Amino acid sequence: MELSMQYDAIIVGGSFAGLTAAKYLARARRHVCVLDLGDPRHRFSAQPTGSSRRYDDDPHSVLQSMWDEVATYPTVTLLAEAAVSVQAQLGDFVVTNWSGEHIAGRRLLLAFGVSDILPDIPGLSERWGVSVLPCPHFHGFEYGRKPVGVLNASPQSPQQAMLLSEWCPTTFYLDGGECDVSMRETLESLKVRIEAAPVKRLAGVGCNLARIYLADNQIQPLDTLFLTPCHQLNSPIAEELGCAIDTGPLGQTIAVNAQQMTSIRHVYAAGDICRQTANITLACADGMKAAMAIHHSLAFDRDNIEQRDRSNGGFHAGYVNLLR
């Protein structure tokens, strides 16, 4: 197998978590390769959820500015490629991309993200991120006192309706689903209106929502619909490597420790693939933690220290003893 180059770390996924990690590793003067196709989860959103950037920034411009900044570091290689497979070989990880190149790295960071599984309702997917929204904590502020709807799309949906009812007149659309007596009583006590009929379609001009059509021939005016979708991992690489996978109410996540390392030594994970909640700030924090852990593991690697120790007359012997 011919290798194109060996890196200190390979990062699979170049969204907020991956690029943050790449920047921190680059500033530690580590050689990093980032593979990313440029289709992040937030590409549908009008605003970057959970970011402290200007309100009028969109996720594309925020990501592009991060990409441009990381590209200025001479030790970073950015590839517009997807990772097809990863193999562990003689202490390294060899990533094969779509072009058939084999790229080796001493550490591996998985940050390939997840994809939302949206309900199959006509008119919904094209409004996702604009007038059909995922997060009351981020988007709810703009809709104070304006009527909103919540679609029963996941186990978290009733909680969304409860949260929004603090700020807005809220309708909970069961979409033909069930609502037990206790939950119904709780929602009604918060003045949440419940519609049981299946949702037929959403309508409006462009990406804006104006009306919701129900199966019982009701047509209701509605400007904003919230839903918490389930998700799926964008790549099978973690499972193929043998990383432990957790299954939560919204989908699978990769299990990591406090340093973002998976159950496989020297394989790390960051971002939405480790969390049930999507948030840019948290994804960036995960990327930073992973980068610091990777840097430390490289700097204090026993073989690396012993080699430096031999060339420096025993200066690093203390570090080696700590690692034994």
C-alpha atoms as a PDB file:
ATOM      1  CA  MET A   1       0.000   0.000   0.000  1.00  0.00           C
ATOM      2  CA  GLU A   2       1.531   3.314  -1.093  1.00  0.00           C
ATOM      3  CA  LEU A   3       1.026   6.142   1.390  1.00  0.00           C
ATOM      4  CA  SER A   4       0.732   9.755   0.239  1.00  0.00           C
ATOM      5  CA  MET A   5       2.091  11.141   3.535  1.00  0.00           C
ATOM      6  CA  GLN A   6       2.121  10.438   7.248  1.00  0.00           C
ATOM      7  CA  TYR A   7       0.494  13.022   9.503  1.00  0.00           C
ATOM      8  CA  ASP A   8       0.389  13.500  13.242  1.00  0.00           C
ATOM      9  CA  ALA A   9      -3.394  13.474  13.057  1.00  0.00           C
ATOM     10  CA  ILE A  10      -6.098  12.841  10.482  1.00  0.00           C
ATOM     11  CA  ILE A  11      -9.429  14.578  10.995  1.00  0.00           C
ATOM     12  CA  VAL A  12     -12.420  13.045   9.233  1.00  0.00           C
ATOM     13  CA  GLY A  13     -14.898  15.918   8.920  1.00  0.00           C
ATOM     14  CA  GLY A  14     -14.224  19.627   8.575  1.00  0.00           C
ATOM     15  CA  SER A  15     -17.182  21.353  10.166  1.00  0.00           C
ATOM     16  CA  PHE A  16     -17.090  23.284  13.453  1.00  0.00           C
ATOM     17  CA  ALA A  17     -15.597  20.497  15.602  1.00  0.00           C
ATOM     18  CA  GLY A  18     -13.094  19.305  13.003  1.00  0.00           C
ATOM     19  CA  LEU A  19     -11.846  22.765  12.015  1.00  0.00           C
ATOM     20  CA  THR A  20     -11.503  23.878  15.631  1.00  0.00           C
ATOM     21  CA  ALA A  21      -9.400  20.785  16.336  1.00  0.00           C
ATOM     22  CA  ALA A  22      -7.315  21.386  13.205  1.00  0.00           C
ATOM     23  CA  LYS A  23      -6.577  24.961  14.284  1.00  0.00           C
ATOM     24  CA  TYR A  24      -5.444  23.968  17.788  1.00  0.00           C
ATOM     25  CA  LEU A  25      -3.265  21.155  16.453  1.00  0.00           C
ATOM     26  CA  ALA A  26      -1.786  23.452  13.811  1.00  0.00           C
ATOM     27  CA  ARG A  27      -0.911  25.988  16.494  1.00  0.00           C
ATOM     28  CA  ALA A  28       0.859  23.143  18.298  1.00  0.00           C
ATOM     29  CA  ARG A  29       2.893  22.775  15.067  1.00  0.00           C
ATOM     30  CA  ARG A  30       1.446  19.365  14.318  1.00  0.00           C
ATOM     31  CA  HIS A  31       0.941  18.087  10.778  1.00  0.00           C
ATOM     32  CA  VAL A  32      -2.769  17.598  10.206  1.00  0.00           C
ATOM     33  CA  CYS A  33      -4.895  16.363   7.312  1.00  0.00           C
ATOM     34  CA  VAL A  34      -8.607  17.291   7.216  1.00  0.00           C
ATOM     35  CA  LEU A  35     -10.990  15.441   4.900  1.00  0.00           C
ATOM     36  CA  ASP A  36     -14.368  17.062   4.278  1.00  0.00           C
ATOM     37  CA  LEU A  37     -16.907  17.266   1.436  1.00  0.00           C
ATOM     38  CA  GLY A  38     -18.426  20.578   2.543  1.00  0.00           C
ATOM     39  CA  ASP A  39     -21.982  19.476   3.337  1.00  0.00           C
ATOM     40  CA  PRO A  40     -22.358  20.114   7.108  1.00  0.00           C
ATOM     41  CA  ARG A  41     -25.529  19.496   9.085  1.00  0.00           C
ATOM     42  CA  HIS A  42     -26.099  23.252   9.476  1.00  0.00           C
ATOM     43  CA  ARG A  43     -26.107  23.914   5.726  1.00  0.00           C
ATOM     44  CA  PHE A  44     -29.906  24.275   5.805  1.00  0.00           C
ATOM     45  CA  SER A  45     -29.966  26.839   8.614  1.00  0.00           C
ATOM     46  CA  ALA A  46     -30.472  30.548   8.124  1.00  0.00           C
ATOM     47  CA  GLN A  47     -28.418  31.282  11.273  1.00  0.00           C
ATOM     48  CA  PRO A  48     -25.634  29.346  13.023  1.00  0.00           C
ATOM     49  CA  THR A  49     -27.371  27.724  16.009  1.00  0.00           C
ATOM     50  CA  GLY A  50     -25.573  28.309  19.285  1.00  0.00           C
ATOM     51  CA  SER A  51     -22.885  30.599  17.859  1.00  0.00           C
ATOM     52  CA  SER A  52     -21.902  33.994  19.252  1.00  0.00           C
ATOM     53  CA  ARG A  53     -21.333  35.339  15.743  1.00  0.00           C
ATOM     54  CA  ARG A  54     -23.367  38.217  14.362  1.00  0.00           C
ATOM     55  CA  TYR A  55     -27.044  37.399  13.999  1.00  0.00           C
ATOM     56  CA  ASP A  56     -26.950  37.921  10.232  1.00  0.00           C
ATOM     57  CA  ASP A  57     -24.097  35.458   9.696  1.00  0.00           C
ATOM     58  CA  ASP A  58     -25.107  32.204   8.049  1.00  0.00           C
ATOM     59  CA  PRO A  59     -23.385  28.866   8.711  1.00  0.00           C
ATOM     60  CA  HIS A  60     -21.772  28.876   5.260  1.00  0.00           C
ATOM     61  CA  SER A  61     -19.933  32.155   5.857  1.00  0.00           C
ATOM     62  CA  VAL A  62     -18.936  31.163   9.401  1.00  0.00           C
ATOM     63  CA  LEU A  63     -17.549  27.820   8.227  1.00  0.00           C
ATOM     64  CA  GLN A  64     -15.826  29.384   5.249  1.00  0.00           C
ATOM     65  CA  SER A  65     -14.049  31.895   7.488  1.00  0.00           C
ATOM     66  CA  MET A  66     -12.887  29.042   9.736  1.00  0.00           C
ATOM     67  CA  TRP A  67     -11.745  27.029   6.705  1.00  0.00           C
ATOM     68  CA  ASP A  68      -9.834  30.037   5.336  1.00  0.00           C
ATOM     69  CA  GLU A  69      -8.150  30.624   8.697  1.00  0.00           C
ATOM     70  CA  VAL A  70      -7.080  26.997   9.111  1.00  0.00           C
ATOM     71  CA  ALA A  71      -5.743  26.988   5.547  1.00  0.00           C
ATOM     72  CA  THR A  72      -3.184  29.664   6.490  1.00  0.00           C
ATOM     73  CA  TYR A  73      -1.274  27.208   8.695  1.00  0.00           C
ATOM     74  CA  PRO A  74       1.521  25.516   6.725  1.00  0.00           C
ATOM     75  CA  THR A  75       1.204  22.203   8.575  1.00  0.00           C
ATOM     76  CA  VAL A  76      -2.464  21.691   7.629  1.00  0.00           C
ATOM     77  CA  THR A  77      -3.638  19.874   4.495  1.00  0.00           C
ATOM     78  CA  LEU A  78      -7.307  20.369   3.574  1.00  0.00           C
ATOM     79  CA  LEU A  79      -8.795  17.804   1.209  1.00  0.00           C
ATOM     80  CA  ALA A  80     -12.264  18.052  -0.352  1.00  0.00           C
ATOM     81  CA  GLU A  81     -12.618  14.300  -0.001  1.00  0.00           C
ATOM     82  CA  ALA A  82     -14.628  11.781   1.995  1.00  0.00           C
ATOM     83  CA  ALA A  83     -13.039   9.009   4.024  1.00  0.00           C
ATOM     84  CA  VAL A  84     -14.209   5.658   2.670  1.00  0.00           C
ATOM     85  CA  SER A  85     -12.452   3.365   5.140  1.00  0.00           C
ATOM     86  CA  VAL A  86      -9.913   3.359   7.959  1.00  0.00           C
ATOM     87  CA  GLN A  87      -7.483   0.595   8.923  1.00  0.00           C
ATOM     88  CA  ALA A  88      -5.191   0.360  11.942  1.00  0.00           C
ATOM     89  CA  GLN A  89      -1.693  -0.638  10.797  1.00  0.00           C
ATOM     90  CA  LEU A  90       1.468  -0.828  12.929  1.00  0.00           C
ATOM     91  CA  GLY A  91       0.379   1.890  15.323  1.00  0.00           C
ATOM     92  CA  ASP A  92      -0.937   4.207  12.590  1.00  0.00           C
ATOM     93  CA  PHE A  93      -4.362   4.749  11.083  1.00  0.00           C
ATOM     94  CA  VAL A  94      -4.559   4.557   7.300  1.00  0.00           C
ATOM     95  CA  VAL A  95      -7.504   6.410   5.771  1.00  0.00           C
ATOM     96  CA  THR A  96      -8.576   5.612   2.224  1.00  0.00           C
ATOM     97  CA  ASN A  97     -10.464   8.425   0.507  1.00  0.00           C
ATOM     98  CA  TRP A  98     -12.791   8.440  -2.501  1.00  0.00           C
ATOM     99  CA  SER A  99      -9.872   9.039  -4.860  1.00  0.00           C
ATOM    100  CA  GLY A 100      -8.181   5.874  -3.608  1.00  0.00           C
ATOM    101  CA  GLU A 101      -5.358   7.670  -1.793  1.00  0.00           C
ATOM    102  CA  HIS A 102      -4.047   6.113   1.425  1.00  0.00           C
ATOM    103  CA  ILE A 103      -3.283   8.670   4.126  1.00  0.00           C
ATOM    104  CA  ALA A 104      -1.569   7.641   7.361  1.00  0.00           C
ATOM    105  CA  GLY A 105      -1.832   9.365  10.709  1.00  0.00           C
ATOM    106  CA  ARG A 106      -0.619   8.626  14.224  1.00  0.00           C
ATOM    107  CA  ARG A 107      -3.924   9.789  15.696  1.00  0.00           C
ATOM    108  CA  LEU A 108      -7.458   9.815  14.278  1.00  0.00           C
ATOM    109  CA  LEU A 109     -10.231  12.296  15.052  1.00  0.00           C
ATOM    110  CA  LEU A 110     -13.747  11.487  13.865  1.00  0.00           C
ATOM    111  CA  ALA A 111     -15.863  14.599  13.322  1.00  0.00           C
ATOM    112  CA  PHE A 112     -17.973  13.549  10.339  1.00  0.00           C
ATOM    113  CA  GLY A 113     -21.253  14.636  11.894  1.00  0.00           C
ATOM    114  CA  VAL A 114     -24.799  13.345  11.630  1.00  0.00           C
ATOM    115  CA  SER A 115     -27.767  13.789   9.286  1.00  0.00           C
ATOM    116  CA  ASP A 116     -31.250  14.673  10.464  1.00  0.00           C
ATOM    117  CA  ILE A 117     -34.046  12.249   9.636  1.00  0.00           C
ATOM    118  CA  LEU A 118     -36.937  14.534   8.743  1.00  0.00           C
ATOM    119  CA  PRO A 119     -40.583  13.435   8.654  1.00  0.00           C
ATOM    120  CA  ASP A 120     -41.842  12.639   5.159  1.00  0.00           C
ATOM    121  CA  ILE A 121     -44.302  15.529   4.988  1.00  0.00           C
ATOM    122  CA  PRO A 122     -44.595  17.477   1.707  1.00  0.00           C
ATOM    123  CA  GLY A 123     -43.301  21.021   2.091  1.00  0.00           C
ATOM    124  CA  LEU A 124     -41.242  20.324   5.209  1.00  0.00           C
ATOM    125  CA  SER A 125     -37.710  19.570   4.020  1.00  0.00           C
ATOM    126  CA  GLU A 126     -37.373  22.722   1.872  1.00  0.00           C
ATOM    127  CA  ARG A 127     -38.296  24.869   4.899  1.00  0.00           C
ATOM    128  CA  TRP A 128     -35.954  23.103   7.322  1.00  0.00           C
ATOM    129  CA  GLY A 129     -33.723  25.618   9.086  1.00  0.00           C
ATOM    130  CA  VAL A 130     -35.731  28.645   7.892  1.00  0.00           C
ATOM    131  CA  SER A 131     -39.355  28.373   9.035  1.00  0.00           C
ATOM    132  CA  VAL A 132     -39.235  24.786  10.316  1.00  0.00           C
ATOM    133  CA  LEU A 133     -36.766  24.987  13.192  1.00  0.00           C
ATOM    134  CA  PRO A 134     -35.001  22.624  15.602  1.00  0.00           C
ATOM    135  CA  CYS A 135     -34.140  24.584  18.733  1.00  0.00           C
ATOM    136  CA  PRO A 136     -36.494  26.577  21.010  1.00  0.00           C
ATOM    137  CA  HIS A 137     -33.522  27.713  23.116  1.00  0.00           C
ATOM    138  CA  PHE A 138     -31.940  29.476  20.151  1.00  0.00           C
ATOM    139  CA  HIS A 139     -34.877  30.371  17.908  1.00  0.00           C
ATOM    140  CA  GLY A 140     -37.653  30.805  20.486  1.00  0.00           C
ATOM    141  CA  PHE A 141     -36.636  34.365  21.390  1.00  0.00           C
ATOM    142  CA  GLU A 142     -37.767  35.738  18.021  1.00  0.00           C
ATOM    143  CA  TYR A 143     -41.221  34.189  18.355  1.00  0.00           C
ATOM    144  CA  GLY A 144     -42.291  35.510  21.746  1.00  0.00           C
ATOM    145  CA  ARG A 145     -46.098  35.865  21.792  1.00  0.00           C
ATOM    146  CA  LYS A 146     -46.390  34.694  18.168  1.00  0.00           C
ATOM    147  CA  PRO A 147     -48.289  31.436  17.562  1.00  0.00           C
ATOM    148  CA  VAL A 148     -46.006  28.477  16.856  1.00  0.00           C
ATOM    149  CA  GLY A 149     -46.459  24.777  16.244  1.00  0.00           C
ATOM    150  CA  VAL A 150     -44.527  21.748  17.434  1.00  0.00           C
ATOM    151  CA  LEU A 151     -44.553  18.556  15.368  1.00  0.00           C
ATOM    152  CA  ASN A 152     -44.577  15.230  17.193  1.00  0.00           C
ATOM    153  CA  ALA A 153     -41.429  13.871  15.512  1.00  0.00           C
ATOM    154  CA  SER A 154     -39.418  12.332  18.397  1.00  0.00           C
ATOM    155  CA  PRO A 155     -39.598  11.533  22.127  1.00  0.00           C
ATOM    156  CA  GLN A 156     -38.339  15.080  22.798  1.00  0.00           C
ATOM    157  CA  SER A 157     -41.263  16.774  21.027  1.00  0.00           C
ATOM    158  CA  PRO A 158     -43.612  17.127  24.043  1.00  0.00           C
ATOM    159  CA  GLN A 159     -40.780  18.792  25.964  1.00  0.00           C
ATOM    160  CA  GLN A 160     -40.332  21.249  23.087  1.00  0.00           C
ATOM    161  CA  ALA A 161     -44.009  22.167  23.297  1.00  0.00           C
ATOM    162  CA  MET A 162     -43.722  22.715  27.051  1.00  0.00           C
ATOM    163  CA  LEU A 163     -40.702  25.004  26.639  1.00  0.00           C
ATOM    164  CA  LEU A 164     -42.259  27.064  23.880  1.00  0.00           C
ATOM    165  CA  SER A 165     -45.498  27.499  25.803  1.00  0.00           C
ATOM    166  CA  GLU A 166     -43.576  29.773  28.206  1.00  0.00           C
ATOM    167  CA  TRP A 167     -43.115  32.317  25.407  1.00  0.00           C
ATOM    168  CA  CYS A 168     -45.649  31.615  22.664  1.00  0.00           C
ATOM    169  CA  PRO A 169     -49.187  30.368  22.069  1.00  0.00           C
ATOM    170  CA  THR A 170     -48.286  26.783  21.139  1.00  0.00           C
ATOM    171  CA  THR A 171     -50.049  23.998  19.220  1.00  0.00           C
ATOM    172  CA  PHE A 172     -48.766  20.441  19.509  1.00  0.00           C
ATOM    173  CA  TYR A 173     -49.413  18.499  16.292  1.00  0.00           C
ATOM    174  CA  LEU A 174     -49.555  14.800  17.160  1.00  0.00           C
ATOM    175  CA  ASP A 175     -49.463  13.896  13.442  1.00  0.00           C
ATOM    176  CA  GLY A 176     -51.534  10.796  14.129  1.00  0.00           C
ATOM    177  CA  GLY A 177     -49.330   9.771  17.062  1.00  0.00           C
ATOM    178  CA  GLU A 178     -50.231   8.933  20.636  1.00  0.00           C
ATOM    179  CA  CYS A 179     -50.351  11.156  23.692  1.00  0.00           C
ATOM    180  CA  ASP A 180     -50.989   9.463  27.020  1.00  0.00           C
ATOM    181  CA  VAL A 181     -53.396  10.895  29.560  1.00  0.00           C
ATOM    182  CA  SER A 182     -50.674  12.237  31.862  1.00  0.00           C
ATOM    183  CA  MET A 183     -48.839  14.012  29.045  1.00  0.00           C
ATOM    184  CA  ARG A 184     -52.081  15.437  27.666  1.00  0.00           C
ATOM    185  CA  GLU A 185     -53.015  16.816  31.081  1.00  0.00           C
ATOM    186  CA  THR A 186     -49.577  18.383  31.469  1.00  0.00           C
ATOM    187  CA  LEU A 187     -49.707  20.032  28.039  1.00  0.00           C
ATOM    188  CA  GLU A 188     -53.240  21.290  28.548  1.00  0.00           C
ATOM    189  CA  SER A 189     -52.309  22.717  31.967  1.00  0.00           C
ATOM    190  CA  LEU A 190     -49.688  24.802  30.122  1.00  0.00           C
ATOM    191  CA  LYS A 191     -52.365  25.915  27.645  1.00  0.00           C
ATOM    192  CA  VAL A 192     -50.811  23.940  24.786  1.00  0.00           C
ATOM    193  CA  ARG A 193     -53.450  23.175  22.160  1.00  0.00           C
ATOM    194  CA  ILE A 194     -53.319  19.577  20.868  1.00  0.00           C
ATOM    195  CA  GLU A 195     -54.180  18.572  17.309  1.00  0.00           C
ATOM    196  CA  ALA A 196     -54.454  14.809  16.823  1.00  0.00           C
ATOM    197  CA  ALA A 197     -54.945  14.583  13.021  1.00  0.00           C
ATOM    198  CA  PRO A 198     -52.033  13.589  10.751  1.00  0.00           C
ATOM    199  CA  VAL A 199     -50.274  16.466   8.978  1.00  0.00           C
ATOM    200  CA  LYS A 200     -50.793  16.315   5.208  1.00  0.00           C
ATOM    201  CA  ARG A 201     -48.492  19.108   4.030  1.00  0.00           C
ATOM    202  CA  LEU A 202     -46.958  22.510   4.718  1.00  0.00           C
ATOM    203  CA  ALA A 203     -47.379  25.465   2.407  1.00  0.00           C
ATOM    204  CA  GLY A 204     -46.123  29.009   1.964  1.00  0.00           C
ATOM    205  CA  VAL A 205     -44.106  31.239  -0.339  1.00  0.00           C
ATOM    206  CA  GLY A 206     -40.583  29.972  -0.929  1.00  0.00           C
ATOM    207  CA  CYS A 207     -39.011  28.728   2.285  1.00  0.00           C
ATOM    208  CA  ASN A 208     -41.485  30.622   4.441  1.00  0.00           C
ATOM    209  CA  LEU A 209     -44.291  28.746   6.147  1.00  0.00           C
ATOM    210  CA  ALA A 210     -47.821  30.142   6.014  1.00  0.00           C
ATOM    211  CA  ARG A 211     -50.260  27.215   6.379  1.00  0.00           C
ATOM    212  CA  ILE A 212     -50.423  23.678   7.715  1.00  0.00           C
ATOM    213  CA  TYR A 213     -52.875  21.186   6.207  1.00  0.00           C
ATOM    214  CA  LEU A 214     -54.300  18.393   8.382  1.00  0.00           C
ATOM    215  CA  ALA A 215     -55.882  15.103   7.340  1.00  0.00           C
ATOM    216  CA  ASP A 216     -59.289  16.089   8.740  1.00  0.00           C
ATOM    217  CA  ASN A 217     -59.490  18.876   6.114  1.00  0.00           C
ATOM    218  CA  GLN A 218     -58.382  21.561   8.528  1.00  0.00           C
ATOM    219  CA  ILE A 219     -56.188  24.368   7.179  1.00  0.00           C
ATOM    220  CA  GLN A 220     -54.516  26.419   9.886  1.00  0.00           C
ATOM    221  CA  PRO A 221     -52.353  29.528   9.541  1.00  0.00           C
ATOM    222  CA  LEU A 222     -48.844  28.889  10.883  1.00  0.00           C
ATOM    223  CA  ASP A 223     -45.620  30.855  10.457  1.00  0.00           C
ATOM    224  CA  THR A 224     -43.226  28.605  12.384  1.00  0.00           C
ATOM    225  CA  LEU A 225     -43.055  24.900  13.138  1.00  0.00           C
ATOM    226  CA  PHE A 226     -40.564  23.379  15.581  1.00  0.00           C
ATOM    227  CA  LEU A 227     -39.425  19.773  15.620  1.00  0.00           C
ATOM    228  CA  THR A 228     -36.627  17.723  17.143  1.00  0.00           C
ATOM    229  CA  PRO A 229     -35.626  15.161  14.503  1.00  0.00           C
ATOM    230  CA  CYS A 230     -33.889  11.876  15.050  1.00  0.00           C
ATOM    231  CA  HIS A 231     -30.494  11.528  13.385  1.00  0.00           C
ATOM    232  CA  GLN A 232     -28.072   9.028  11.907  1.00  0.00           C
ATOM    233  CA  LEU A 233     -24.267   8.937  11.814  1.00  0.00           C
ATOM    234  CA  ASN A 234     -22.867  10.112   8.475  1.00  0.00           C
ATOM    235  CA  SER A 235     -20.251   7.363   8.286  1.00  0.00           C
ATOM    236  CA  PRO A 236     -19.912   3.729   9.421  1.00  0.00           C
ATOM    237  CA  ILE A 237     -16.189   4.217  10.166  1.00  0.00           C
ATOM    238  CA  ALA A 238     -16.562   4.347  13.962  1.00  0.00           C
ATOM    239  CA  GLU A 239     -18.504   1.101  14.061  1.00  0.00           C
ATOM    240  CA  GLU A 240     -16.091  -0.572  11.638  1.00  0.00           C
ATOM    241  CA  LEU A 241     -13.172   0.413  13.888  1.00  0.00           C
ATOM    242  CA  GLY A 242     -14.986  -1.132  16.848  1.00  0.00           C
ATOM    243  CA  CYS A 243     -15.739   2.118  18.703  1.00  0.00           C
ATOM    244  CA  ALA A 244     -18.437   1.787  21.360  1.00  0.00           C
ATOM    245  CA  ILE A 245     -21.741   3.253  20.159  1.00  0.00           C
ATOM    246  CA  ASP A 246     -24.504   4.549  22.440  1.00  0.00           C
ATOM    247  CA  THR A 247     -28.152   4.617  21.389  1.00  0.00           C
ATOM    248  CA  GLY A 248     -30.243   7.485  22.739  1.00  0.00           C
ATOM    249  CA  PRO A 249     -33.784   8.735  22.154  1.00  0.00           C
ATOM    250  CA  LEU A 250     -32.736  10.651  19.029  1.00  0.00           C
ATOM    251  CA  GLY A 251     -30.268   8.199  17.529  1.00  0.00           C
ATOM    252  CA  GLN A 252     -26.761   6.800  17.857  1.00  0.00           C
ATOM    253  CA  THR A 253     -23.742   8.637  19.265  1.00  0.00           C
ATOM    254  CA  ILE A 254     -20.103   7.603  19.643  1.00  0.00           C
ATOM    255  CA  ALA A 255     -19.116   7.030  23.259  1.00  0.00           C
ATOM    256  CA  VAL A 256     -16.152   9.168  24.398  1.00  0.00           C
ATOM    257  CA  ASN A 257     -14.374   9.910  27.664  1.00  0.00           C
ATOM    258  CA  ALA A 258     -13.600  13.328  29.148  1.00  0.00           C
ATOM    259  CA  GLN A 259     -10.713  13.749  26.666  1.00  0.00           C
ATOM    260  CA  GLN A 260     -12.979  12.892  23.687  1.00  0.00           C
ATOM    261  CA  MET A 261     -11.228   9.554  23.161  1.00  0.00           C
ATOM    262  CA  THR A 262     -13.397   6.665  22.007  1.00  0.00           C
ATOM    263  CA  SER A 263     -13.168   3.108  23.292  1.00  0.00           C
ATOM    264  CA  ILE A 264     -10.381   2.562  20.724  1.00  0.00           C
ATOM    265  CA  ARG A 265      -6.977   3.900  21.800  1.00  0.00           C
ATOM    266  CA  HIS A 266      -5.809   6.964  19.849  1.00  0.00           C
ATOM    267  CA  VAL A 267      -9.192   7.330  18.107  1.00  0.00           C
ATOM    268  CA  TYR A 268     -11.049  10.474  19.172  1.00  0.00           C
ATOM    269  CA  ALA A 269     -14.471  11.868  18.287  1.00  0.00           C
ATOM    270  CA  ALA A 270     -15.994  15.339  18.520  1.00  0.00           C
ATOM    271  CA  GLY A 271     -19.114  17.288  17.653  1.00  0.00           C
ATOM    272  CA  ASP A 272     -22.657  16.121  16.967  1.00  0.00           C
ATOM    273  CA  ILE A 273     -21.578  12.477  16.638  1.00  0.00           C
ATOM    274  CA  CYS A 274     -20.924  12.525  20.402  1.00  0.00           C
ATOM    275  CA  ARG A 275     -24.033  14.420  21.478  1.00  0.00           C
ATOM    276  CA  GLN A 276     -27.810  14.179  21.353  1.00  0.00           C
ATOM    277  CA  THR A 277     -27.976  17.993  21.154  1.00  0.00           C
ATOM    278  CA  ALA A 278     -26.590  19.954  18.197  1.00  0.00           C
ATOM    279  CA  ASN A 279     -24.867  23.201  19.113  1.00  0.00           C
ATOM    280  CA  ILE A 280     -21.969  25.004  17.437  1.00  0.00           C
ATOM    281  CA  THR A 281     -20.425  26.203  20.700  1.00  0.00           C
ATOM    282  CA  LEU A 282     -20.409  22.678  22.134  1.00  0.00           C
ATOM    283  CA  ALA A 283     -19.033  21.241  18.880  1.00  0.00           C
ATOM    284  CA  CYS A 284     -16.165  23.734  18.904  1.00  0.00           C
ATOM    285  CA  ALA A 285     -15.478  22.951  22.566  1.00  0.00           C
ATOM    286  CA  ASP A 286     -15.362  19.230  21.744  1.00  0.00           C
ATOM    287  CA  GLY A 287     -12.915  19.932  18.927  1.00  0.00           C
ATOM    288  CA  MET A 288     -10.682  21.953  21.215  1.00  0.00           C
ATOM    289  CA  LYS A 289     -10.680  19.238  23.907  1.00  0.00           C
ATOM    290  CA  ALA A 290      -9.915  16.549  21.355  1.00  0.00           C
ATOM    291  CA  ALA A 291      -7.050  18.571  19.881  1.00  0.00           C
ATOM    292  CA  MET A 292      -5.494  19.173  23.281  1.00  0.00           C
ATOM    293  CA  ALA A 293      -5.786  15.479  24.164  1.00  0.00           C
ATOM    294  CA  ILE A 294      -4.241  14.470  20.844  1.00  0.00           C
ATOM    295  CA  HIS A 295      -1.394  16.939  21.271  1.00  0.00           C
ATOM    296  CA  HIS A 296      -0.693  15.679  24.784  1.00  0.00           C
ATOM    297  CA  SER A 297      -0.781  12.045  23.676  1.00  0.00           C
ATOM    298  CA  LEU A 298       1.679  12.803  20.889  1.00  0.00           C
ATOM    299  CA  ALA A 299       3.982  14.927  23.057  1.00  0.00           C
ATOM    300  CA  PHE A 300       4.067  12.401  25.870  1.00  0.00           C
ATOM    301  CA  ASP A 301       4.063   9.275  23.741  1.00  0.00           C
ATOM    302  CA  ARG A 302       6.498   6.844  25.404  1.00  0.00           C
ATOM    303  CA  ASP A 303       8.413   5.951  22.229  1.00  0.00           C
ATOM    304  CA  ASN A 304       8.684   9.605  21.257  1.00  0.00           C
ATOM    305  CA  ILE A 305       9.926  10.603  24.721  1.00  0.00           C
ATOM    306  CA  GLU A 306      12.475   7.801  24.834  1.00  0.00           C
ATOM    307  CA  GLN A 307      13.847   8.887  21.465  1.00  0.00           C
ATOM    308  CA  ARG A 308      14.088  12.506  22.649  1.00  0.00           C
ATOM    309  CA  ASP A 309      15.576  11.303  25.915  1.00  0.00           C
ATOM    310  CA  ARG A 310      18.421   9.493  24.155  1.00  0.00           C
ATOM    311  CA  SER A 311      19.245  12.622  22.178  1.00  0.00           C
ATOM    312  CA  ASN A 312      19.060  14.941  25.213  1.00  0.00           C
ATOM    313  CA  GLY A 313      21.076  13.029  27.805  1.00  0.00           C
ATOM    314  CA  GLY A 314      18.198  11.794  29.957  1.00  0.00           C
ATOM    315  CA  PHE A 315      16.285  15.099  30.208  1.00  0.00           C
ATOM    316  CA  HIS A 316      12.898  13.400  29.538  1.00  0.00           C
ATOM    317  CA  ALA A 317      13.399  10.367  31.777  1.00  0.00           C
ATOM    318  CA  GLY A 318      10.944  11.729  34.323  1.00  0.00           C
ATOM    319  CA  TYR A 319       8.157  11.834  31.739  1.00  0.00           C
ATOM    320  CA  VAL A 320       8.892   8.245  30.694  1.00  0.00           C
ATOM    321  CA  ASN A 321       8.670   7.082  34.295  1.00  0.00           C
ATOM    322  CA  LEU A 322       5.326   8.807  34.701  1.00  0.00           C
ATOM    323  CA  LEU A 323       3.961   6.886  31.735  1.00  0.00           C
ATOM    324  CA  ARG A 324       5.084   3.454  32.886  1.00  0.00           C
END
